[in-house]
Structures are given as C-alpha cells and as structure tokens.
Amino acid sequence: MAWLLSTFAFIVLKCFGVLSWSWWWLLVPVLGTPALALLAVGSVAFCTIFITLTSKVTKI
C-alpha cells in the first residue's frame, strides 16, 4: 500500500513539476517507504496550498 501511495505521489509531483527538487527521493533507503510516502503527501499538500494562495493573490 505504501509503495502504491509513493508511486502515485511520484506521478502527481511529476505533474506538478515539483520533482525539480527530487533529491529527497534519494532518502528512500534511509527513511523507508512509509516515511517517504508521508513526505510525498506533505509535499503535495504544500503545493496545493501554495498554488491556491498564489492564485488568490493574482486575482486581487
């Protein structure tokens, strides 16, 4: 399940173009897949919030 989640997060992040700072995928052997999946989900949440905030700022 965690592997599937991290793979999905990888695809989502690639779509967002966030993988320019993809160095943290190197942390897989260190942290393990569950920690990486948590980090990926956190990154997606951060990107969503960031995109929402920037879109609101440009509308003002």
N, C-alpha and C. Protein backbone atom coordinates (compact mmCIF):
# COMPACT_ATOMS: atom_id res chain seq x y z
N MET A 1 0.83 -1.20 0.00
CA MET A 1 0.00 0.00 0.00
C MET A 1 0.87 1.26 0.00
N ALA A 2 1.90 1.27 0.84
CA ALA A 2 2.79 2.43 0.91
C ALA A 2 3.53 2.63 -0.40
N TRP A 3 3.92 1.50 -1.03
CA TRP A 3 4.63 1.60 -2.31
C TRP A 3 3.71 2.20 -3.37
N LEU A 4 2.45 1.77 -3.37
CA LEU A 4 1.47 2.30 -4.32
C LEU A 4 1.24 3.79 -4.08
N LEU A 5 1.16 4.17 -2.81
CA LEU A 5 0.96 5.58 -2.45
C LEU A 5 2.15 6.43 -2.89
N SER A 6 3.35 5.93 -2.66
CA SER A 6 4.54 6.69 -3.05
C SER A 6 4.67 6.79 -4.56
N THR A 7 4.27 5.74 -5.28
CA THR A 7 4.29 5.78 -6.74
C THR A 7 3.29 6.79 -7.26
N PHE A 8 2.09 6.79 -6.68
CA PHE A 8 1.06 7.76 -7.05
C PHE A 8 1.54 9.18 -6.75
N ALA A 9 2.14 9.37 -5.58
CA ALA A 9 2.66 10.68 -5.20
C ALA A 9 3.76 11.12 -6.16
N PHE A 10 4.60 10.18 -6.59
CA PHE A 10 5.66 10.49 -7.56
C PHE A 10 5.06 11.02 -8.86
N ILE A 11 4.00 10.37 -9.35
CA ILE A 11 3.34 10.78 -10.59
C ILE A 11 2.70 12.16 -10.42
N VAL A 12 2.03 12.37 -9.28
CA VAL A 12 1.38 13.66 -9.01
C VAL A 12 2.42 14.77 -8.94
N LEU A 13 3.51 14.52 -8.22
CA LEU A 13 4.57 15.52 -8.09
C LEU A 13 5.21 15.82 -9.44
N LYS A 14 5.36 14.79 -10.26
CA LYS A 14 5.92 14.99 -11.59
C LYS A 14 4.99 15.88 -12.42
N CYS A 15 3.69 15.67 -12.28
CA CYS A 15 2.71 16.52 -12.98
C CYS A 15 2.79 17.96 -12.49
N PHE A 16 3.00 18.14 -11.20
CA PHE A 16 3.11 19.47 -10.62
C PHE A 16 4.44 20.13 -10.97
N GLY A 17 5.40 19.34 -11.44
CA GLY A 17 6.72 19.88 -11.74
C GLY A 17 7.55 20.08 -10.48
N VAL A 18 7.17 19.42 -9.41
CA VAL A 18 7.84 19.60 -8.12
C VAL A 18 9.15 18.81 -8.07
N LEU A 19 9.30 17.85 -8.99
CA LEU A 19 10.46 16.98 -8.91
C LEU A 19 11.75 17.65 -9.32
N SER A 20 11.72 18.98 -9.51
CA SER A 20 12.97 19.70 -9.71
C SER A 20 13.83 19.60 -8.44
N TRP A 21 13.17 19.50 -7.29
CA TRP A 21 13.90 19.23 -6.04
C TRP A 21 13.66 17.79 -5.62
N SER A 22 13.99 16.87 -6.54
CA SER A 22 13.71 15.45 -6.35
C SER A 22 14.78 14.74 -5.53
N TRP A 23 15.69 15.51 -4.94
CA TRP A 23 16.76 14.90 -4.14
C TRP A 23 16.23 14.04 -3.02
N TRP A 24 15.04 14.39 -2.48
CA TRP A 24 14.54 13.64 -1.33
C TRP A 24 14.10 12.23 -1.68
N TRP A 25 13.97 11.91 -2.99
CA TRP A 25 13.71 10.52 -3.38
C TRP A 25 14.91 9.64 -3.07
N LEU A 26 16.07 10.28 -2.89
CA LEU A 26 17.26 9.52 -2.50
C LEU A 26 17.18 9.07 -1.05
N LEU A 27 16.23 9.60 -0.29
CA LEU A 27 16.07 9.24 1.11
C LEU A 27 15.33 7.92 1.31
N VAL A 28 14.88 7.31 0.21
CA VAL A 28 14.15 6.03 0.31
C VAL A 28 14.92 4.99 1.13
N PRO A 29 16.21 4.74 0.83
CA PRO A 29 16.92 3.72 1.61
C PRO A 29 17.10 4.12 3.07
N VAL A 30 17.16 5.43 3.33
CA VAL A 30 17.42 5.91 4.69
C VAL A 30 16.15 5.89 5.54
N LEU A 31 15.09 6.48 5.01
CA LEU A 31 13.86 6.64 5.78
C LEU A 31 12.89 5.48 5.63
N GLY A 32 12.96 4.81 4.49
CA GLY A 32 11.98 3.76 4.23
C GLY A 32 10.78 4.32 3.49
N THR A 33 10.01 3.43 2.89
CA THR A 33 8.89 3.84 2.05
C THR A 33 7.78 4.58 2.82
N PRO A 34 7.38 4.15 4.02
CA PRO A 34 6.30 4.88 4.71
C PRO A 34 6.64 6.34 4.99
N ALA A 35 7.87 6.60 5.42
CA ALA A 35 8.29 7.97 5.68
C ALA A 35 8.32 8.77 4.39
N LEU A 36 8.76 8.14 3.31
CA LEU A 36 8.80 8.80 2.01
C LEU A 36 7.40 9.12 1.52
N ALA A 37 6.47 8.18 1.70
CA ALA A 37 5.09 8.40 1.30
C ALA A 37 4.49 9.57 2.08
N LEU A 38 4.80 9.63 3.37
CA LEU A 38 4.33 10.74 4.20
C LEU A 38 4.91 12.06 3.72
N LEU A 39 6.18 12.05 3.38
CA LEU A 39 6.84 13.24 2.86
C LEU A 39 6.24 13.66 1.52
N ALA A 40 5.94 12.69 0.68
CA ALA A 40 5.35 12.98 -0.63
C ALA A 40 3.96 13.58 -0.48
N VAL A 41 3.15 13.01 0.40
CA VAL A 41 1.81 13.53 0.64
C VAL A 41 1.89 14.94 1.21
N GLY A 42 2.84 15.16 2.12
CA GLY A 42 3.05 16.50 2.68
C GLY A 42 3.45 17.49 1.60
N SER A 43 4.29 17.06 0.68
CA SER A 43 4.72 17.93 -0.42
C SER A 43 3.56 18.28 -1.34
N VAL A 44 2.70 17.29 -1.64
CA VAL A 44 1.53 17.54 -2.47
C VAL A 44 0.60 18.53 -1.77
N ALA A 45 0.41 18.35 -0.46
CA ALA A 45 -0.44 19.27 0.30
C ALA A 45 0.14 20.67 0.29
N PHE A 46 1.45 20.78 0.47
CA PHE A 46 2.13 22.08 0.44
C PHE A 46 1.96 22.74 -0.92
N CYS A 47 2.13 21.98 -1.99
CA CYS A 47 1.99 22.53 -3.34
C CYS A 47 0.57 22.99 -3.61
N THR A 48 -0.40 22.21 -3.14
CA THR A 48 -1.80 22.58 -3.32
C THR A 48 -2.11 23.89 -2.61
N ILE A 49 -1.64 24.02 -1.37
CA ILE A 49 -1.84 25.25 -0.60
C ILE A 49 -1.13 26.42 -1.27
N PHE A 50 0.09 26.19 -1.71
CA PHE A 50 0.88 27.24 -2.37
C PHE A 50 0.20 27.72 -3.65
N ILE A 51 -0.27 26.78 -4.47
CA ILE A 51 -0.95 27.13 -5.73
C ILE A 51 -2.25 27.87 -5.44
N THR A 52 -2.97 27.44 -4.41
CA THR A 52 -4.22 28.12 -4.04
C THR A 52 -3.94 29.55 -3.59
N LEU A 53 -2.93 29.73 -2.76
CA LEU A 53 -2.59 31.07 -2.27
C LEU A 53 -2.12 31.97 -3.39
N THR A 54 -1.27 31.47 -4.27
CA THR A 54 -0.76 32.30 -5.36
C THR A 54 -1.87 32.65 -6.35
N SER A 55 -2.81 31.75 -6.57
CA SER A 55 -3.91 32.06 -7.48
C SER A 55 -4.83 33.13 -6.87
N LYS A 56 -4.99 33.11 -5.54
CA LYS A 56 -5.80 34.14 -4.88
C LYS A 56 -5.09 35.49 -4.93
N VAL A 57 -3.79 35.48 -4.79
CA VAL A 57 -3.02 36.72 -4.82
C VAL A 57 -3.08 37.36 -6.20
N THR A 58 -3.00 36.57 -7.25
CA THR A 58 -3.03 37.12 -8.61
C THR A 58 -4.41 37.65 -8.99
N LYS A 59 -5.46 37.15 -8.35
CA LYS A 59 -6.81 37.63 -8.64
C LYS A 59 -7.07 39.00 -8.03
N ILE A 60 -6.38 39.31 -6.95
CA ILE A 60 -6.60 40.59 -6.24
C ILE A 60 -6.06 41.75 -7.06
